[in-house]
């Protein structure tokens, strides 16, 4: 039997050897993964396949910003995992992680993989060249606020000049700041509130300031130029949800080992950016076997191994406890278990709307206009509003 699994970005299952482990335990099973780098492209293709009923994998990954769309608008297209006994696993996840993938009538449509507690990843070699401190605890104090983070960026930029920039993109900065908020685009009733949310306005203004001051390398995330910049030194810091660790390792390669470090997030609050679920479309001819694989991949031992190998922070509570003392040699022996574990425990449980990611994409696209084209803040924001109106209807 061949089981197909379709994902986006770098989930790390293959890289951590989990597929090979499962195939050794189940000699009759071959796992075939396909992956799309950009989640927005992945989601668009998934919608096309769901509408047409063909081309779907046995297992489909779903980003946390899309899970409300699945449970509220597309539940009839996905298998209720409770039919295979998933309900007995409920206590292995936090109530928030479990309930997000559960419909109002109690169907469980996905099991949680990782979550995205946030930090800052930074290049110690570039900091040193610019005369900045490299100790993560010192930096955490210096950038206790976002203003402090931007001030360090100005100091870096004054030394680095045009050859390197403080951050990769202001879209990344914006996503970090809004990840610290319980409500950003929707309120608990499902109403779209981004226009009147002061937290969104503050994140926008901070990001615009960073763009206008030239602190960004102007690199759109998930593009070839952005990928290359992880090793070229085009930027010194990047917003770093836990899953980004594995991505950095993949792009920077062995030459990057020891050049990167991790420090707690600015802004005085923890935050979350991303995290995912594994689901099984109803079209899968191997639903039970697919469920067995999903259950195994998301169980505590596998989530623990994935964090130790790739940095994807677990959502399974047993794995969370097991990784609290983990350090990562690639990232200068940073205590990633402590840093991300603290962030995970103190991050707000975000309110997620049915088109959360669509709203976020339009706003970050508009910020890209500010940093790459010099578009004024007011004009760019109006473009974001128009794009959101077209996206959400």
Protein backbone atom coordinates (compact mmCIF):
# COMPACT_ATOMS: atom_id res chain seq x y z
CA UNK A 1 0.00 0.00 0.00
CA UNK A 2 1.18 3.50 -0.86
CA UNK A 3 -0.05 6.33 1.37
CA UNK A 4 0.18 9.82 -0.06
CA UNK A 5 0.65 12.90 2.11
CA UNK A 6 0.43 16.43 0.71
CA UNK A 7 1.95 19.27 2.76
CA UNK A 8 3.30 22.82 2.55
CA UNK A 9 6.57 24.33 3.72
CA UNK A 10 8.76 22.00 5.77
CA UNK A 11 6.84 19.80 8.21
CA UNK A 12 10.07 17.87 8.79
CA UNK A 13 8.63 14.35 8.89
CA UNK A 14 10.89 13.14 6.09
CA UNK A 15 13.92 15.14 7.27
CA UNK A 16 13.63 13.73 10.81
CA UNK A 17 13.42 10.16 9.50
CA UNK A 18 9.85 9.55 10.66
CA UNK A 19 8.64 8.15 7.34
CA UNK A 20 11.54 5.71 7.27
CA UNK A 21 10.78 4.69 10.87
CA UNK A 22 7.13 4.04 10.04
CA UNK A 23 7.96 2.05 6.93
CA UNK A 24 10.28 -0.16 8.98
CA UNK A 25 7.45 -0.78 11.44
CA UNK A 26 4.97 -1.37 8.59
CA UNK A 27 6.81 -3.14 5.75
CA UNK A 28 3.62 -3.20 3.66
CA UNK A 29 3.38 0.63 3.61
CA UNK A 30 5.22 3.11 1.39
CA UNK A 31 4.80 6.82 2.14
CA UNK A 32 4.91 9.30 -0.71
CA UNK A 33 5.11 12.99 0.24
CA UNK A 34 4.46 16.00 -1.97
CA UNK A 35 5.00 19.54 -0.71
CA UNK A 36 4.33 23.11 -1.88
CA UNK A 37 6.68 25.72 -0.44
CA UNK A 38 4.13 28.55 -0.23
CA UNK A 39 1.09 27.79 1.93
CA UNK A 40 -1.14 30.20 -0.03
CA UNK A 41 -0.38 28.32 -3.26
CA UNK A 42 -0.99 25.02 -1.47
CA UNK A 43 -4.37 26.15 -0.11
CA UNK A 44 -5.52 27.41 -3.49
CA UNK A 45 -4.66 24.08 -5.13
CA UNK A 46 -6.34 22.17 -2.31
CA UNK A 47 -9.57 24.14 -2.81
CA UNK A 48 -9.54 23.29 -6.50
CA UNK A 49 -9.09 19.60 -5.75
CA UNK A 50 -11.76 19.58 -3.06
CA UNK A 51 -14.21 21.20 -5.46
CA UNK A 52 -13.42 18.72 -8.20
CA UNK A 53 -13.05 15.70 -5.98
CA UNK A 54 -9.85 14.49 -7.62
CA UNK A 55 -6.12 14.63 -7.06
CA UNK A 56 -6.34 14.64 -3.26
CA UNK A 57 -3.80 12.84 -1.11
CA UNK A 58 -4.70 10.34 1.60
CA UNK A 59 -3.50 12.93 4.14
CA UNK A 60 -3.63 16.70 3.70
CA UNK A 61 -1.90 19.23 5.94
CA UNK A 62 -3.94 22.22 7.10
CA UNK A 63 -2.41 25.41 8.52
CA UNK A 64 -3.97 26.68 11.74
CA UNK A 65 -5.21 29.84 10.01
CA UNK A 66 -7.31 27.64 7.68
CA UNK A 67 -8.69 25.15 10.18
CA UNK A 68 -11.81 27.24 10.92
CA UNK A 69 -12.63 27.17 7.21
CA UNK A 70 -12.36 23.37 7.27
CA UNK A 71 -14.53 22.88 10.35
CA UNK A 72 -17.15 25.51 9.52
CA UNK A 73 -17.39 25.41 5.72
CA UNK A 74 -15.87 22.17 4.41
CA UNK A 75 -16.49 19.55 7.10
CA UNK A 76 -18.40 17.31 4.70
CA UNK A 77 -15.25 16.85 2.61
CA UNK A 78 -13.10 15.46 5.44
CA UNK A 79 -13.21 12.25 7.45
CA UNK A 80 -14.41 12.37 11.04
CA UNK A 81 -11.41 10.86 12.82
CA UNK A 82 -13.62 9.86 15.74
CA UNK A 83 -14.85 6.99 13.58
CA UNK A 84 -11.38 5.49 14.07
CA UNK A 85 -11.24 6.23 17.79
CA UNK A 86 -9.62 9.68 17.83
CA UNK A 87 -11.85 10.85 20.68
CA UNK A 88 -9.80 8.72 23.08
CA UNK A 89 -6.76 10.91 22.29
CA UNK A 90 -8.39 14.20 23.27
CA UNK A 91 -6.47 14.67 26.51
CA UNK A 92 -3.14 14.42 24.70
CA UNK A 93 -3.62 17.98 23.36
CA UNK A 94 -4.52 21.28 24.97
CA UNK A 95 -8.24 22.11 24.79
CA UNK A 96 -7.50 24.99 22.40
CA UNK A 97 -5.52 22.87 19.93
CA UNK A 98 -8.08 20.05 19.99
CA UNK A 99 -11.21 22.18 19.78
CA UNK A 100 -9.94 24.21 16.81
CA UNK A 101 -10.19 21.08 14.63
CA UNK A 102 -13.58 20.01 16.03
CA UNK A 103 -16.94 20.93 14.50
CA UNK A 104 -19.86 22.23 16.56
CA UNK A 105 -21.48 18.80 16.34
CA UNK A 106 -18.35 17.07 17.71
CA UNK A 107 -16.61 15.73 14.61
CA UNK A 108 -12.80 15.71 14.86
CA UNK A 109 -11.34 16.56 11.46
CA UNK A 110 -7.62 16.78 12.23
CA UNK A 111 -4.90 15.90 14.71
CA UNK A 112 -2.43 18.62 15.72
CA UNK A 113 1.18 18.51 14.59
CA UNK A 114 3.23 21.51 15.71
CA UNK A 115 2.45 24.93 17.10
CA UNK A 116 4.33 28.15 16.41
CA UNK A 117 5.61 29.79 19.62
CA UNK A 118 7.64 32.79 18.56
CA UNK A 119 11.20 34.00 19.12
CA UNK A 120 13.87 35.88 17.15
CA UNK A 121 16.59 34.00 15.28
CA UNK A 122 19.72 36.03 14.63
CA UNK A 123 23.17 35.81 13.06
CA UNK A 124 25.79 36.10 15.79
CA UNK A 125 28.60 36.61 13.27
CA UNK A 126 26.82 39.59 11.70
CA UNK A 127 25.99 41.04 15.11
CA UNK A 128 29.63 40.77 16.13
CA UNK A 129 30.81 42.53 12.97
CA UNK A 130 28.38 45.37 13.68
CA UNK A 131 29.52 45.71 17.30
CA UNK A 132 26.26 44.48 18.78
CA UNK A 133 26.01 42.09 21.74
CA UNK A 134 25.50 38.45 20.83
CA UNK A 135 24.41 37.04 24.20
CA UNK A 136 20.75 36.05 23.96
CA UNK A 137 19.91 37.18 27.49
CA UNK A 138 21.48 40.60 26.94
CA UNK A 139 19.56 40.96 23.69
CA UNK A 140 16.30 39.96 25.35
CA UNK A 141 16.78 42.89 27.74
CA UNK A 142 17.84 45.31 25.00
CA UNK A 143 14.84 44.49 22.83
CA UNK A 144 12.28 44.06 25.59
CA UNK A 145 10.04 46.34 23.51
CA UNK A 146 9.53 46.57 19.75
CA UNK A 147 10.96 50.09 19.88
CA UNK A 148 14.07 48.57 21.44
CA UNK A 149 14.24 46.02 18.63
CA UNK A 150 14.04 48.77 16.00
CA UNK A 151 16.67 50.85 17.82
CA UNK A 152 19.12 47.93 17.72
CA UNK A 153 18.25 47.66 14.05
CA UNK A 154 19.24 51.26 13.46
CA UNK A 155 22.57 50.61 15.18
CA UNK A 156 23.12 47.53 13.04
CA UNK A 157 22.16 49.35 9.84
CA UNK A 158 24.58 52.18 10.58
CA UNK A 159 27.47 49.67 10.60
CA UNK A 160 26.27 47.19 7.96
CA UNK A 161 25.26 49.76 5.36
CA UNK A 162 23.60 48.47 2.21
CA UNK A 163 25.25 45.05 2.19
CA UNK A 164 23.03 43.62 4.93
CA UNK A 165 19.80 44.57 6.67
CA UNK A 166 18.37 44.15 10.14
CA UNK A 167 15.39 41.97 9.15
CA UNK A 168 14.26 39.93 6.18
CA UNK A 169 10.91 41.66 5.62
CA UNK A 170 8.41 43.86 7.41
CA UNK A 171 5.72 41.27 6.64
CA UNK A 172 7.60 38.93 8.94
CA UNK A 173 7.76 41.64 11.61
CA UNK A 174 4.02 42.28 11.32
CA UNK A 175 3.18 38.59 11.67
CA UNK A 176 5.26 38.36 14.84
CA UNK A 177 3.55 41.34 16.47
CA UNK A 178 0.01 40.27 15.60
CA UNK A 179 0.85 36.76 16.82
CA UNK A 180 1.00 38.25 20.33
CA UNK A 181 -2.69 39.20 20.23
CA UNK A 182 -5.72 37.15 21.26
CA UNK A 183 -7.89 38.94 18.70
CA UNK A 184 -6.54 40.32 15.45
CA UNK A 185 -8.91 39.89 12.49
CA UNK A 186 -12.07 38.31 13.93
CA UNK A 187 -13.77 38.49 17.30
CA UNK A 188 -15.19 35.51 19.18
CA UNK A 189 -18.57 35.89 17.45
CA UNK A 190 -16.93 35.50 14.02
CA UNK A 191 -17.23 39.19 13.10
CA UNK A 192 -14.46 40.72 11.00
CA UNK A 193 -12.87 43.40 13.21
CA UNK A 194 -9.42 44.07 11.76
CA UNK A 195 -10.29 47.65 10.70
CA UNK A 196 -11.07 48.75 14.24
CA UNK A 197 -8.55 46.62 16.12
CA UNK A 198 -5.90 48.89 17.71
CA UNK A 199 -3.48 45.94 17.91
CA UNK A 200 -3.56 45.54 14.13
CA UNK A 201 -3.06 49.29 13.70
CA UNK A 202 -0.07 49.28 16.07
CA UNK A 203 1.54 46.31 14.28
CA UNK A 204 0.98 48.02 10.92
CA UNK A 205 2.51 51.29 12.09
CA UNK A 206 5.58 49.59 13.56
CA UNK A 207 6.11 47.62 10.36
CA UNK A 208 5.70 50.71 8.17
CA UNK A 209 8.26 52.54 10.32
CA UNK A 210 10.77 49.70 9.86
CA UNK A 211 10.21 49.78 6.09
CA UNK A 212 10.55 53.54 5.80
CA UNK A 213 13.75 53.53 7.85
CA UNK A 214 15.35 50.97 5.54
CA UNK A 215 15.72 48.22 8.13
CA UNK A 216 14.34 45.52 5.84
CA UNK A 217 16.08 43.50 3.14
CA UNK A 218 12.77 43.69 1.21
CA UNK A 219 12.67 39.93 0.68
CA UNK A 220 9.25 38.41 0.13
CA UNK A 221 9.05 35.23 2.16
CA UNK A 222 9.12 31.84 0.42
CA UNK A 223 10.79 33.26 -2.71
CA UNK A 224 14.11 31.98 -4.15
CA UNK A 225 15.86 35.24 -3.20
CA UNK A 226 14.65 34.89 0.39
CA UNK A 227 15.85 31.29 0.54
CA UNK A 228 19.30 32.28 -0.72
CA UNK A 229 19.56 35.06 1.87
CA UNK A 230 19.68 32.61 4.78
CA UNK A 231 23.26 31.80 3.86
CA UNK A 232 24.35 35.02 2.12
CA UNK A 233 23.99 37.29 5.16
CA UNK A 234 21.45 39.63 3.56
CA UNK A 235 19.67 39.95 6.90
CA UNK A 236 20.69 39.61 10.54
CA UNK A 237 17.39 38.76 12.27
CA UNK A 238 14.20 36.96 11.36
CA UNK A 239 10.90 36.33 13.08
CA UNK A 240 11.29 32.77 14.24
CA UNK A 241 8.32 30.62 15.19
CA UNK A 242 9.68 27.23 16.23
CA UNK A 243 9.03 25.64 12.83
CA UNK A 244 11.38 28.17 11.24
CA UNK A 245 14.38 26.43 12.85
CA UNK A 246 14.10 23.48 10.50
CA UNK A 247 13.63 25.80 7.54
CA UNK A 248 16.77 27.74 8.40
CA UNK A 249 18.77 24.53 8.70
CA UNK A 250 17.54 23.44 5.29
CA UNK A 251 18.39 26.74 3.59
CA UNK A 252 21.62 27.71 5.38
CA UNK A 253 23.00 24.17 5.43
CA UNK A 254 25.98 22.93 7.39
CA UNK A 255 27.88 26.16 6.75
CA UNK A 256 25.35 27.98 8.95
CA UNK A 257 25.90 25.85 12.04
CA UNK A 258 27.05 27.97 14.96
CA UNK A 259 26.33 31.25 13.14
CA UNK A 260 22.71 31.40 14.32
CA UNK A 261 21.21 31.81 17.77
CA UNK A 262 17.73 32.23 19.28
CA UNK A 263 16.46 34.84 21.76
CA UNK A 264 13.04 35.52 23.28
CA UNK A 265 10.55 37.71 21.45
CA UNK A 266 10.41 41.50 21.91
CA UNK A 267 7.22 43.22 22.95
CA UNK A 268 6.78 41.97 26.49
CA UNK A 269 4.42 39.13 25.50
CA UNK A 270 4.68 35.67 24.02
CA UNK A 271 3.08 34.94 20.69
CA UNK A 272 2.21 32.21 18.22
CA UNK A 273 2.66 32.14 14.46
CA UNK A 274 1.38 29.09 12.66
CA UNK A 275 1.07 25.45 13.51
CA UNK A 276 -0.77 22.76 11.60
CA UNK A 277 -3.07 19.74 11.50
CA UNK A 278 -3.20 16.51 9.54
CA UNK A 279 -6.55 15.67 7.96
CA UNK A 280 -7.93 12.85 5.80
CA UNK A 281 -10.18 13.78 2.85
CA UNK A 282 -13.25 11.59 2.44
CA UNK A 283 -11.96 10.64 -1.00
CA UNK A 284 -9.06 8.64 0.46
CA UNK A 285 -9.34 4.94 -0.43
CA UNK A 286 -7.08 4.11 2.52
CA UNK A 287 -8.73 6.13 5.30
CA UNK A 288 -8.04 3.68 8.14
CA UNK A 289 -4.40 3.18 7.16
CA UNK A 290 -4.05 6.95 6.72
CA UNK A 291 -5.46 7.48 10.21
CA UNK A 292 -2.97 5.00 11.67
CA UNK A 293 -0.16 7.06 10.11
CA UNK A 294 -1.64 10.38 11.27
CA UNK A 295 -2.03 9.09 14.81
CA UNK A 296 1.55 7.80 14.84
CA UNK A 297 3.08 10.99 13.38
CA UNK A 298 1.31 13.17 15.94
CA UNK A 299 1.96 10.94 18.97
CA UNK A 300 4.29 12.20 21.69
CA UNK A 301 7.42 10.16 20.80
CA UNK A 302 7.35 11.31 17.18
CA UNK A 303 6.63 14.94 18.04
CA UNK A 304 9.52 14.85 20.51
CA UNK A 305 11.88 13.45 17.87
CA UNK A 306 10.70 16.04 15.35
CA UNK A 307 11.52 18.88 17.74
CA UNK A 308 14.93 17.49 18.60
CA UNK A 309 15.80 17.04 14.93
CA UNK A 310 13.98 19.93 13.24
CA UNK A 311 12.77 22.37 15.89
CA UNK A 312 9.04 21.97 15.19
CA UNK A 313 7.54 22.63 18.63
CA UNK A 314 5.07 19.90 19.64
CA UNK A 315 1.39 20.36 20.32
CA UNK A 316 1.13 16.95 21.98
CA UNK A 317 1.34 17.62 25.73
CA UNK A 318 3.47 14.56 26.45
CA UNK A 319 6.05 15.73 23.95
CA UNK A 320 5.95 19.30 25.31
CA UNK A 321 7.01 17.99 28.71
CA UNK A 322 9.73 15.82 27.22
CA UNK A 323 11.52 18.61 25.32
CA UNK A 324 11.77 21.29 27.99
CA UNK A 325 15.55 20.85 28.40
CA UNK A 326 16.45 20.52 24.71
CA UNK A 327 19.32 22.61 23.33
CA UNK A 328 20.20 22.94 19.64
CA UNK A 329 23.90 22.76 18.63
CA UNK A 330 23.12 24.28 15.23
CA UNK A 331 21.77 27.41 16.92
CA UNK A 332 24.80 27.97 19.20
CA UNK A 333 23.39 25.52 21.75
CA UNK A 334 20.37 27.76 22.35
CA UNK A 335 17.98 26.37 25.01
CA UNK A 336 15.16 26.05 22.50
CA UNK A 337 13.09 23.82 24.77
CA UNK A 338 13.00 26.54 27.41
CA UNK A 339 12.59 29.51 25.04
CA UNK A 340 9.80 28.03 22.95
CA UNK A 341 8.27 26.15 25.87
CA UNK A 342 7.87 29.38 27.83
CA UNK A 343 6.37 31.08 24.79
CA UNK A 344 3.98 28.18 24.22
CA UNK A 345 2.75 28.26 27.83
CA UNK A 346 2.16 32.00 27.86
CA UNK A 347 0.92 32.71 24.33
CA UNK A 348 -2.71 33.82 24.02
CA UNK A 349 -5.23 31.41 22.55
CA UNK A 350 -5.99 33.25 19.34
CA UNK A 351 -9.45 33.75 17.91
CA UNK A 352 -9.34 32.31 14.38
CA UNK A 353 -11.80 33.28 11.67
CA UNK A 354 -12.77 31.31 8.60
CA UNK A 355 -10.54 33.43 6.34
CA UNK A 356 -7.84 34.44 8.78
CA UNK A 357 -4.99 33.67 6.40
CA UNK A 358 -6.62 35.53 3.52
CA UNK A 359 -6.86 38.69 5.62
CA UNK A 360 -3.26 38.29 6.80
CA UNK A 361 -2.01 37.76 3.24
CA UNK A 362 -3.64 40.94 1.97
CA UNK A 363 -2.16 43.01 4.78
CA UNK A 364 1.36 41.59 4.41
CA UNK A 365 1.13 42.05 0.63
CA UNK A 366 0.28 45.72 1.23
CA UNK A 367 3.27 46.05 3.56
CA UNK A 368 5.36 44.65 0.72
CA UNK A 369 4.23 47.62 -1.37
CA UNK A 370 5.49 49.98 1.32
CA UNK A 371 8.93 48.38 1.62
CA UNK A 372 9.57 47.50 -2.05
CA UNK A 373 7.77 50.30 -3.93
CA UNK A 374 7.72 53.11 -1.41
CA UNK A 375 3.93 53.24 -1.41
CA UNK A 376 2.52 55.52 1.29
CA UNK A 377 1.05 53.93 4.40
CA UNK A 378 -2.49 55.20 3.77
CA UNK A 379 -2.54 54.11 0.14
CA UNK A 380 -1.14 50.66 0.96
CA UNK A 381 -3.70 50.18 3.73
CA UNK A 382 -6.53 51.03 1.33
CA UNK A 383 -5.14 48.40 -1.05
CA UNK A 384 -5.20 45.89 1.80
CA UNK A 385 -8.82 46.74 2.59
CA UNK A 386 -9.84 46.31 -1.05
CA UNK A 387 -8.00 43.00 -1.27
CA UNK A 388 -9.66 41.74 1.91
CA UNK A 389 -13.09 42.76 0.64
CA UNK A 390 -12.48 40.78 -2.57
CA UNK A 391 -11.12 37.79 -0.64
CA UNK A 392 -13.80 37.47 2.00
CA UNK A 393 -16.76 38.60 -0.11
